[in-house]
């Protein structure tokens, strides 16, 4: 599909403390048993939890609860007993919070009229839970902060309108990232490709660069010898100073339909980027140059013979290998699950025609969802594709699971489901 979106994205980086520009970055320590943002505690799709199932029971993992949800591509954020996501409900884009243990509704807050798009209806971005607040981003570009306890609005801005930008062709999809006192998203407005707002007041803190928004979510990465925000526009990847928003480096990465969707990853101080639409992957090294960096290719694998083309999914980095969905062709129907050597770009193994899906990692395993509603458990190893279990648990979904305290959470356009994946 052209520009199929998995939206979603983020907050709360774990254990990052650095001093640059004379300002300390706030340590953002989250328990390993929470999933407070897009791609989890460290925004890399990996949980530190252990003691999980080694194989599916004969009838699949145990369902703890199932609760009504609604259409949308937003993922699930779990923190302090709350499951939070965005859905369509009764003609409105709505944030809902459920009890993480029971699935019972806690609150629902309307944000905006429903969002329609030919590539899928509903909000795209995943909420970010930070402290006592929830940060959300709607399909047309409303960035809002709510109280976690009751869903009451703290502040709200239509940042696309405020900054005189344009809504991305397939909807605004940047999952909010929290760094210190700022909430950061891609806006794609003139001189405001990436923007930061004060988490408490909602005041614009900084804006930087030009460029269409694309559909990727930013990440705080320790690369080039320092923490920096790495964000994709529709045609480039940017390194940005977290405090002042100054541009540190820029690497052209132009894709068809501005479909940079996957989130950048840190690989031993370098930056890994990947895109579908028959584009490919690149590993970048950053060399200091005065107050900025020069970005150069360690390796690149582009075009029809690329080893890895992430369509909307962010790859998983584990022990020097990247595990990801390789979409063949220009948004073609064929997708292989692939393992490559992160440092060299060499393919290690492929599960041909695995299908479109998404995944996270924990306890030495990949937990992958498919658009057929299956949940697949795979051993996390470069040796070979080793499937440990497969069960149909939900309807068609593009979202990756979320894992918190031994419970795996999934959603489709109808339901939100909680599964017990703890080893008994």
Protein backbone atom coordinates (compact mmCIF):
# COMPACT_ATOMS: atom_id res chain seq x y z
CA UNK A 1 0.00 0.00 0.00
CA UNK A 2 1.19 3.50 -0.73
CA UNK A 3 2.08 5.01 2.51
CA UNK A 4 0.36 2.51 4.76
CA UNK A 5 0.82 3.94 8.14
CA UNK A 6 1.53 2.45 11.34
CA UNK A 7 1.31 5.45 13.50
CA UNK A 8 2.25 5.63 16.65
CA UNK A 9 5.02 6.96 18.76
CA UNK A 10 6.48 7.87 22.23
CA UNK A 11 7.82 9.48 25.48
CA UNK A 12 10.05 8.87 28.49
CA UNK A 13 13.61 7.84 27.52
CA UNK A 14 15.17 5.64 30.17
CA UNK A 15 18.31 6.53 32.14
CA UNK A 16 19.60 9.34 29.92
CA UNK A 17 21.47 12.07 31.76
CA UNK A 18 23.70 14.40 29.80
CA UNK A 19 24.79 18.00 29.96
CA UNK A 20 24.87 20.05 26.79
CA UNK A 21 24.42 23.74 26.22
CA UNK A 22 24.66 24.13 30.01
CA UNK A 23 21.30 22.40 30.65
CA UNK A 24 20.88 18.96 32.18
CA UNK A 25 18.55 16.53 30.42
CA UNK A 26 16.03 15.16 32.89
CA UNK A 27 16.54 11.46 33.72
CA UNK A 28 13.43 9.65 32.58
CA UNK A 29 13.45 6.39 34.48
CA UNK A 30 10.51 4.10 33.89
CA UNK A 31 9.99 0.63 35.37
CA UNK A 32 10.86 -2.17 32.99
CA UNK A 33 7.35 -3.49 33.51
CA UNK A 34 5.69 -0.49 31.85
CA UNK A 35 5.16 0.46 28.20
CA UNK A 36 4.54 4.22 28.50
CA UNK A 37 5.04 5.29 24.89
CA UNK A 38 5.44 4.25 21.27
CA UNK A 39 8.02 1.44 21.04
CA UNK A 40 8.16 0.98 24.79
CA UNK A 41 10.31 2.22 27.70
CA UNK A 42 13.37 3.08 25.62
CA UNK A 43 11.55 3.67 22.31
CA UNK A 44 13.27 0.76 20.62
CA UNK A 45 10.56 -1.92 20.75
CA UNK A 46 12.33 -3.89 23.49
CA UNK A 47 11.16 -4.77 27.00
CA UNK A 48 13.51 -5.92 29.78
CA UNK A 49 10.87 -8.29 31.16
CA UNK A 50 11.75 -11.96 31.64
CA UNK A 51 9.91 -15.10 32.75
CA UNK A 52 7.61 -15.16 29.73
CA UNK A 53 6.11 -18.16 27.95
CA UNK A 54 8.52 -20.38 26.05
CA UNK A 55 5.82 -21.65 23.69
CA UNK A 56 2.09 -21.10 23.20
CA UNK A 57 -0.29 -23.44 25.02
CA UNK A 58 -2.30 -25.69 22.70
CA UNK A 59 -5.19 -23.21 22.58
CA UNK A 60 -2.97 -20.10 22.48
CA UNK A 61 -2.14 -17.57 25.20
CA UNK A 62 -4.74 -16.98 27.92
CA UNK A 63 -7.06 -14.04 27.32
CA UNK A 64 -7.38 -11.91 30.47
CA UNK A 65 -9.91 -9.44 29.11
CA UNK A 66 -11.31 -7.94 25.93
CA UNK A 67 -12.76 -4.44 25.81
CA UNK A 68 -14.48 -2.43 23.03
CA UNK A 69 -12.23 0.08 21.29
CA UNK A 70 -12.76 1.58 17.85
CA UNK A 71 -11.10 2.40 14.52
CA UNK A 72 -7.64 3.94 14.52
CA UNK A 73 -3.94 3.21 14.05
CA UNK A 74 -2.79 4.50 17.43
CA UNK A 75 -0.85 2.02 19.53
CA UNK A 76 -1.22 1.34 23.25
CA UNK A 77 0.60 3.08 26.11
CA UNK A 78 0.57 1.41 29.55
CA UNK A 79 1.65 3.07 32.80
CA UNK A 80 0.51 3.22 36.43
CA UNK A 81 -2.37 0.85 35.85
CA UNK A 82 -3.74 2.66 32.78
CA UNK A 83 -3.99 1.52 29.16
CA UNK A 84 -4.34 4.59 26.92
CA UNK A 85 -4.97 4.86 23.18
CA UNK A 86 -6.82 6.96 20.59
CA UNK A 87 -9.86 5.76 18.66
CA UNK A 88 -12.83 6.89 16.60
CA UNK A 89 -15.99 6.87 18.69
CA UNK A 90 -19.36 8.42 17.83
CA UNK A 91 -17.88 10.64 15.14
CA UNK A 92 -15.02 11.95 17.28
CA UNK A 93 -11.32 11.30 17.78
CA UNK A 94 -11.26 10.21 21.40
CA UNK A 95 -8.61 9.32 23.96
CA UNK A 96 -9.66 6.40 26.13
CA UNK A 97 -8.13 4.95 29.29
CA UNK A 98 -8.83 1.42 30.54
CA UNK A 99 -7.83 -0.37 33.72
CA UNK A 100 -4.76 -2.40 32.77
CA UNK A 101 -5.79 -5.40 34.88
CA UNK A 102 -9.50 -5.57 34.13
CA UNK A 103 -10.09 -3.65 30.89
CA UNK A 104 -12.81 -1.58 32.54
CA UNK A 105 -13.19 1.97 31.13
CA UNK A 106 -11.68 4.69 33.31
CA UNK A 107 -12.30 7.81 31.22
CA UNK A 108 -12.78 9.05 27.66
CA UNK A 109 -11.90 12.52 26.33
CA UNK A 110 -13.00 13.88 22.95
CA UNK A 111 -10.22 15.67 21.07
CA UNK A 112 -11.54 16.47 17.59
CA UNK A 113 -13.96 15.39 14.85
CA UNK A 114 -13.23 11.96 13.40
CA UNK A 115 -10.40 11.71 10.91
CA UNK A 116 -10.99 10.04 7.54
CA UNK A 117 -8.31 9.00 5.08
CA UNK A 118 -8.11 6.67 2.11
CA UNK A 119 -5.24 4.79 3.75
CA UNK A 120 -7.23 4.10 6.90
CA UNK A 121 -9.44 6.09 9.25
CA UNK A 122 -8.73 7.23 12.76
CA UNK A 123 -5.90 8.78 14.78
CA UNK A 124 -2.41 7.58 13.91
CA UNK A 125 -0.06 8.49 16.77
CA UNK A 126 0.46 6.53 19.98
CA UNK A 127 0.00 8.42 23.28
CA UNK A 128 2.93 9.12 25.58
CA UNK A 129 2.47 8.88 29.35
CA UNK A 130 4.88 10.96 31.40
CA UNK A 131 4.38 11.55 35.10
CA UNK A 132 0.78 12.56 35.69
CA UNK A 133 0.15 13.58 32.07
CA UNK A 134 -0.77 11.96 28.75
CA UNK A 135 0.34 13.54 25.47
CA UNK A 136 -1.58 12.83 22.25
CA UNK A 137 -1.49 13.89 18.59
CA UNK A 138 -4.52 13.69 16.29
CA UNK A 139 -4.80 12.90 12.61
CA UNK A 140 -5.12 16.55 11.58
CA UNK A 141 -2.37 17.75 13.94
CA UNK A 142 -3.82 18.67 17.34
CA UNK A 143 -1.20 18.17 20.07
CA UNK A 144 -2.74 17.94 23.53
CA UNK A 145 -1.83 17.25 27.15
CA UNK A 146 -4.33 15.56 29.49
CA UNK A 147 -4.37 14.51 33.13
CA UNK A 148 -3.64 10.79 33.41
CA UNK A 149 -5.98 10.38 36.36
CA UNK A 150 -9.19 11.71 34.80
CA UNK A 151 -8.49 12.69 31.18
CA UNK A 152 -9.14 16.40 31.73
CA UNK A 153 -7.44 18.73 29.24
CA UNK A 154 -4.36 20.62 30.41
CA UNK A 155 -3.63 22.33 27.07
CA UNK A 156 -4.26 21.79 23.38
CA UNK A 157 -2.95 23.32 20.13
CA UNK A 158 -3.66 22.63 16.48
CA UNK A 159 0.01 22.94 15.65
CA UNK A 160 -0.42 22.45 11.90
CA UNK A 161 -2.76 25.45 11.75
CA UNK A 162 -0.76 27.50 14.26
CA UNK A 163 2.48 27.02 12.33
CA UNK A 164 0.82 27.43 8.91
CA UNK A 165 1.68 23.92 7.78
CA UNK A 166 -0.25 21.28 5.85
CA UNK A 167 -1.63 17.97 7.07
CA UNK A 168 0.37 15.05 5.71
CA UNK A 169 -1.31 13.24 2.83
CA UNK A 170 -2.03 10.18 4.96
CA UNK A 171 -2.53 12.01 8.26
CA UNK A 172 -0.26 13.28 11.03
CA UNK A 173 1.42 10.25 12.59
CA UNK A 174 4.24 11.41 14.87
CA UNK A 175 3.94 9.82 18.30
CA UNK A 176 4.95 12.40 20.95
CA UNK A 177 8.42 12.13 22.48
CA UNK A 178 9.15 13.55 25.93
CA UNK A 179 12.67 14.84 26.58
CA UNK A 180 13.11 16.73 29.84
CA UNK A 181 10.46 19.45 29.98
CA UNK A 182 9.58 19.26 26.27
CA UNK A 183 7.15 17.23 24.20
CA UNK A 184 8.42 16.83 20.64
CA UNK A 185 6.68 15.89 17.36
CA UNK A 186 7.21 16.37 13.64
CA UNK A 187 4.96 19.14 12.32
CA UNK A 188 6.24 19.63 8.77
CA UNK A 189 5.49 23.35 8.78
CA UNK A 190 7.67 26.14 7.30
CA UNK A 191 10.82 26.44 9.45
CA UNK A 192 9.13 24.01 11.83
CA UNK A 193 9.68 20.50 10.53
CA UNK A 194 10.23 19.38 14.14
CA UNK A 195 8.83 21.27 17.13
CA UNK A 196 8.96 21.19 20.92
CA UNK A 197 6.37 22.42 23.42
CA UNK A 198 6.61 22.87 27.17
CA UNK A 199 4.91 19.87 28.78
CA UNK A 200 3.25 21.91 31.55
CA UNK A 201 2.27 25.14 29.79
CA UNK A 202 1.95 24.08 26.16
CA UNK A 203 4.12 27.05 25.10
CA UNK A 204 6.18 26.59 21.94
CA UNK A 205 9.79 26.04 23.09
CA UNK A 206 11.60 25.68 19.77
CA UNK A 207 11.16 24.82 16.11
CA UNK A 208 13.66 23.81 13.48
CA UNK A 209 14.19 23.14 9.77
CA UNK A 210 11.88 22.82 6.77
CA UNK A 211 10.43 19.64 5.33
CA UNK A 212 7.20 17.72 4.84
CA UNK A 213 6.26 15.82 8.01
CA UNK A 214 6.52 12.23 6.80
CA UNK A 215 5.10 9.65 9.21
CA UNK A 216 8.01 8.73 11.47
CA UNK A 217 8.25 9.38 15.18
CA UNK A 218 11.36 11.04 16.67
CA UNK A 219 13.70 9.34 19.13
CA UNK A 220 16.30 10.49 21.64
CA UNK A 221 19.45 8.56 20.66
CA UNK A 222 22.97 8.49 22.07
CA UNK A 223 24.83 8.83 18.77
CA UNK A 224 27.91 10.71 17.63
CA UNK A 225 29.07 10.83 21.25
CA UNK A 226 26.07 12.74 22.64
CA UNK A 227 22.30 12.48 23.14
CA UNK A 228 20.37 14.03 20.27
CA UNK A 229 16.90 13.91 18.84
CA UNK A 230 16.86 12.04 15.55
CA UNK A 231 13.77 12.66 13.45
CA UNK A 232 12.69 11.98 9.87
CA UNK A 233 10.89 14.35 7.57
CA UNK A 234 9.42 13.05 4.33
CA UNK A 235 12.75 13.50 2.55
CA UNK A 236 15.54 13.68 5.15
CA UNK A 237 16.78 12.53 8.55
CA UNK A 238 17.75 15.22 11.08
CA UNK A 239 19.90 15.32 14.18
CA UNK A 240 18.68 17.99 16.60
CA UNK A 241 19.88 19.46 19.90
CA UNK A 242 17.26 18.47 22.54
CA UNK A 243 17.33 21.75 24.49
CA UNK A 244 17.51 24.47 21.84
CA UNK A 245 16.36 22.66 18.71
CA UNK A 246 19.47 23.61 16.75
CA UNK A 247 20.26 21.44 13.75
CA UNK A 248 23.28 19.18 14.29
CA UNK A 249 23.23 17.30 10.96
CA UNK A 250 21.00 16.46 8.02
CA UNK A 251 21.03 13.44 5.71
CA UNK A 252 18.87 13.38 2.54
CA UNK A 253 16.60 10.31 2.55
CA UNK A 254 13.92 10.95 -0.03
CA UNK A 255 11.14 8.38 -0.38
CA UNK A 256 8.10 8.05 -2.62
CA UNK A 257 5.04 9.77 -1.12
CA UNK A 258 7.17 11.08 1.80
CA UNK A 259 6.86 7.64 3.38
CA UNK A 260 9.58 7.75 5.99
CA UNK A 261 7.66 5.88 8.70
CA UNK A 262 10.07 3.73 10.74
CA UNK A 263 11.79 5.33 13.74
CA UNK A 264 15.60 5.73 13.59
CA UNK A 265 17.68 3.43 15.82
CA UNK A 266 21.08 3.77 17.48
CA UNK A 267 23.64 1.10 16.53
CA UNK A 268 26.85 1.50 18.55
CA UNK A 269 26.75 5.28 18.32
CA UNK A 270 25.65 5.25 14.69
CA UNK A 271 22.18 5.79 13.17
CA UNK A 272 20.18 3.14 11.34
CA UNK A 273 17.36 4.27 9.05
CA UNK A 274 15.04 2.30 6.79
CA UNK A 275 12.05 2.97 4.54
CA UNK A 276 9.67 1.00 2.34
CA UNK A 277 8.32 1.98 -1.09
CA UNK A 278 11.27 -0.03 -2.46
CA UNK A 279 13.72 2.35 -0.77
CA UNK A 280 15.98 0.46 1.65
CA UNK A 281 18.31 0.92 4.61
CA UNK A 282 21.39 2.94 5.58
CA UNK A 283 23.75 2.97 8.57
CA UNK A 284 25.18 6.43 9.23
CA UNK A 285 28.32 7.44 11.11
CA UNK A 286 28.45 10.90 12.68
CA UNK A 287 31.75 12.77 12.75
CA UNK A 288 32.02 15.98 14.82
CA UNK A 289 32.58 19.13 12.78
CA UNK A 290 32.73 22.27 14.94
CA UNK A 291 29.29 22.51 16.62
CA UNK A 292 27.71 20.08 14.18
CA UNK A 293 28.30 16.65 12.65
CA UNK A 294 29.03 15.26 9.23
CA UNK A 295 26.85 12.23 8.43
CA UNK A 296 28.45 9.58 6.21
CA UNK A 297 27.34 6.12 5.12
CA UNK A 298 28.88 3.11 6.85
CA UNK A 299 26.83 0.96 4.50
CA UNK A 300 23.75 1.43 2.36
CA UNK A 301 21.42 -1.06 0.73
CA UNK A 302 18.90 0.70 -1.48
CA UNK A 303 16.46 -0.10 -4.24
CA UNK A 304 14.96 -3.34 -5.49
CA UNK A 305 17.76 -5.50 -4.09
CA UNK A 306 17.89 -3.92 -0.63
CA UNK A 307 18.34 -6.31 2.29
CA UNK A 308 15.71 -4.51 4.40
CA UNK A 309 12.88 -2.10 3.55
CA UNK A 310 10.76 -1.29 6.63
CA UNK A 311 7.34 -0.21 5.37
CA UNK A 312 5.81 1.10 8.59
CA UNK A 313 7.54 -1.08 11.17
CA UNK A 314 10.63 -0.19 13.18
CA UNK A 315 13.21 -2.98 13.27
CA UNK A 316 14.43 -4.61 16.50
CA UNK A 317 18.16 -4.38 17.32
CA UNK A 318 19.49 -7.25 19.43
CA UNK A 319 23.10 -8.27 19.97
CA UNK A 320 24.38 -6.77 16.75
CA UNK A 321 21.54 -7.94 14.52
CA UNK A 322 18.47 -6.17 13.15
CA UNK A 323 15.19 -8.05 12.82
CA UNK A 324 12.64 -6.39 10.57
CA UNK A 325 9.91 -6.57 7.97
CA UNK A 326 11.24 -6.31 4.42
CA UNK A 327 8.51 -5.09 2.09
CA UNK A 328 9.20 -6.09 -1.50
CA UNK A 329 8.37 -3.64 -4.28
CA UNK A 330 6.72 -0.23 -4.17
CA UNK A 331 4.32 -0.93 -1.30
CA UNK A 332 3.89 -4.42 -2.69
CA UNK A 333 1.92 -7.24 -1.10
CA UNK A 334 4.97 -9.43 -0.33
CA UNK A 335 6.78 -8.97 3.00
CA UNK A 336 9.61 -11.14 4.34
CA UNK A 337 10.69 -11.29 7.98
CA UNK A 338 14.43 -10.66 7.84
CA UNK A 339 17.53 -10.70 10.04
CA UNK A 340 20.62 -8.71 9.00
CA UNK A 341 24.01 -7.99 10.52
CA UNK A 342 23.63 -4.41 11.78
CA UNK A 343 27.29 -3.45 11.35
CA UNK A 344 27.74 -4.79 7.81
CA UNK A 345 24.24 -4.80 6.31
CA UNK A 346 24.59 -8.43 5.29
CA UNK A 347 21.46 -10.60 5.31
CA UNK A 348 21.61 -13.49 7.81
CA UNK A 349 18.23 -15.17 7.30
CA UNK A 350 14.77 -14.57 5.86
CA UNK A 351 11.34 -16.05 6.48
CA UNK A 352 9.91 -15.63 3.01
CA UNK A 353 6.36 -14.29 2.68
CA UNK A 354 5.88 -13.94 6.43
CA UNK A 355 3.36 -11.19 5.69
CA UNK A 356 2.80 -7.61 6.75
CA UNK A 357 2.86 -7.10 10.48
CA UNK A 358 4.67 -5.51 13.40
CA UNK A 359 6.59 -6.69 16.45
CA UNK A 360 8.35 -6.10 19.75
CA UNK A 361 10.98 -8.10 21.64
CA UNK A 362 11.30 -9.42 25.18
CA UNK A 363 12.90 -12.33 27.04
CA UNK A 364 14.82 -13.56 23.99
CA UNK A 365 11.72 -13.65 21.78
CA UNK A 366 9.97 -11.63 19.12
CA UNK A 367 6.22 -11.12 19.58
CA UNK A 368 4.87 -10.34 16.12
CA UNK A 369 1.36 -9.43 15.00
CA UNK A 370 0.12 -9.95 11.45
CA UNK A 371 -2.59 -8.29 9.42
CA UNK A 372 -4.42 -11.63 9.61
CA UNK A 373 -4.86 -11.11 13.36
CA UNK A 374 -2.22 -13.66 14.36
CA UNK A 375 0.20 -13.37 17.25
CA UNK A 376 3.45 -15.15 16.44
CA UNK A 377 6.25 -15.89 18.91
CA UNK A 378 9.73 -16.31 17.38
CA UNK A 379 13.07 -17.06 19.01
CA UNK A 380 15.30 -13.99 18.89
CA UNK A 381 18.39 -15.51 17.30
CA UNK A 382 20.52 -14.91 14.20
CA UNK A 383 20.92 -18.66 13.70
CA UNK A 384 17.64 -19.24 11.89
CA UNK A 385 13.93 -18.42 11.84
CA UNK A 386 12.59 -20.44 14.80
CA UNK A 387 8.84 -20.10 15.35
CA UNK A 388 7.66 -20.94 18.88
CA UNK A 389 3.92 -20.41 18.51
CA UNK A 390 1.18 -18.90 16.37
CA UNK A 391 -2.43 -18.14 17.30
CA UNK A 392 -5.22 -15.96 15.91
CA UNK A 393 -6.15 -13.61 18.74
CA UNK A 394 -7.59 -10.46 17.15
CA UNK A 395 -8.77 -8.91 13.90
CA UNK A 396 -6.55 -7.34 11.26
CA UNK A 397 -4.03 -4.99 12.89
CA UNK A 398 -0.95 -2.97 11.97
CA UNK A 399 -0.02 -2.08 15.53
CA UNK A 400 2.74 -3.81 17.44
CA UNK A 401 1.82 -5.35 20.80
CA UNK A 402 2.58 -3.57 24.08
CA UNK A 403 4.01 -5.49 27.05
CA UNK A 404 3.60 -4.56 30.71
CA UNK A 405 4.05 -6.73 33.81
CA UNK A 406 3.78 -10.01 31.90
CA UNK A 407 0.63 -8.99 30.05
CA UNK A 408 0.58 -8.46 26.29
CA UNK A 409 -1.87 -5.88 24.92
CA UNK A 410 -3.11 -5.67 21.32
CA UNK A 411 -5.76 -3.74 19.43
CA UNK A 412 -7.54 -3.69 16.09
CA UNK A 413 -10.37 -1.49 14.79
CA UNK A 414 -12.86 -3.12 17.13
CA UNK A 415 -11.32 -4.44 20.34
CA UNK A 416 -8.47 -4.03 22.81
CA UNK A 417 -7.25 -7.39 24.13
CA UNK A 418 -5.06 -8.36 27.09
CA UNK A 419 -3.21 -11.71 27.05
CA UNK A 420 -1.26 -13.38 29.85
CA UNK A 421 2.17 -14.40 28.50
CA UNK A 422 3.84 -15.17 31.85
CA UNK A 423 5.51 -18.54 32.30
CA UNK A 424 3.55 -20.39 34.96
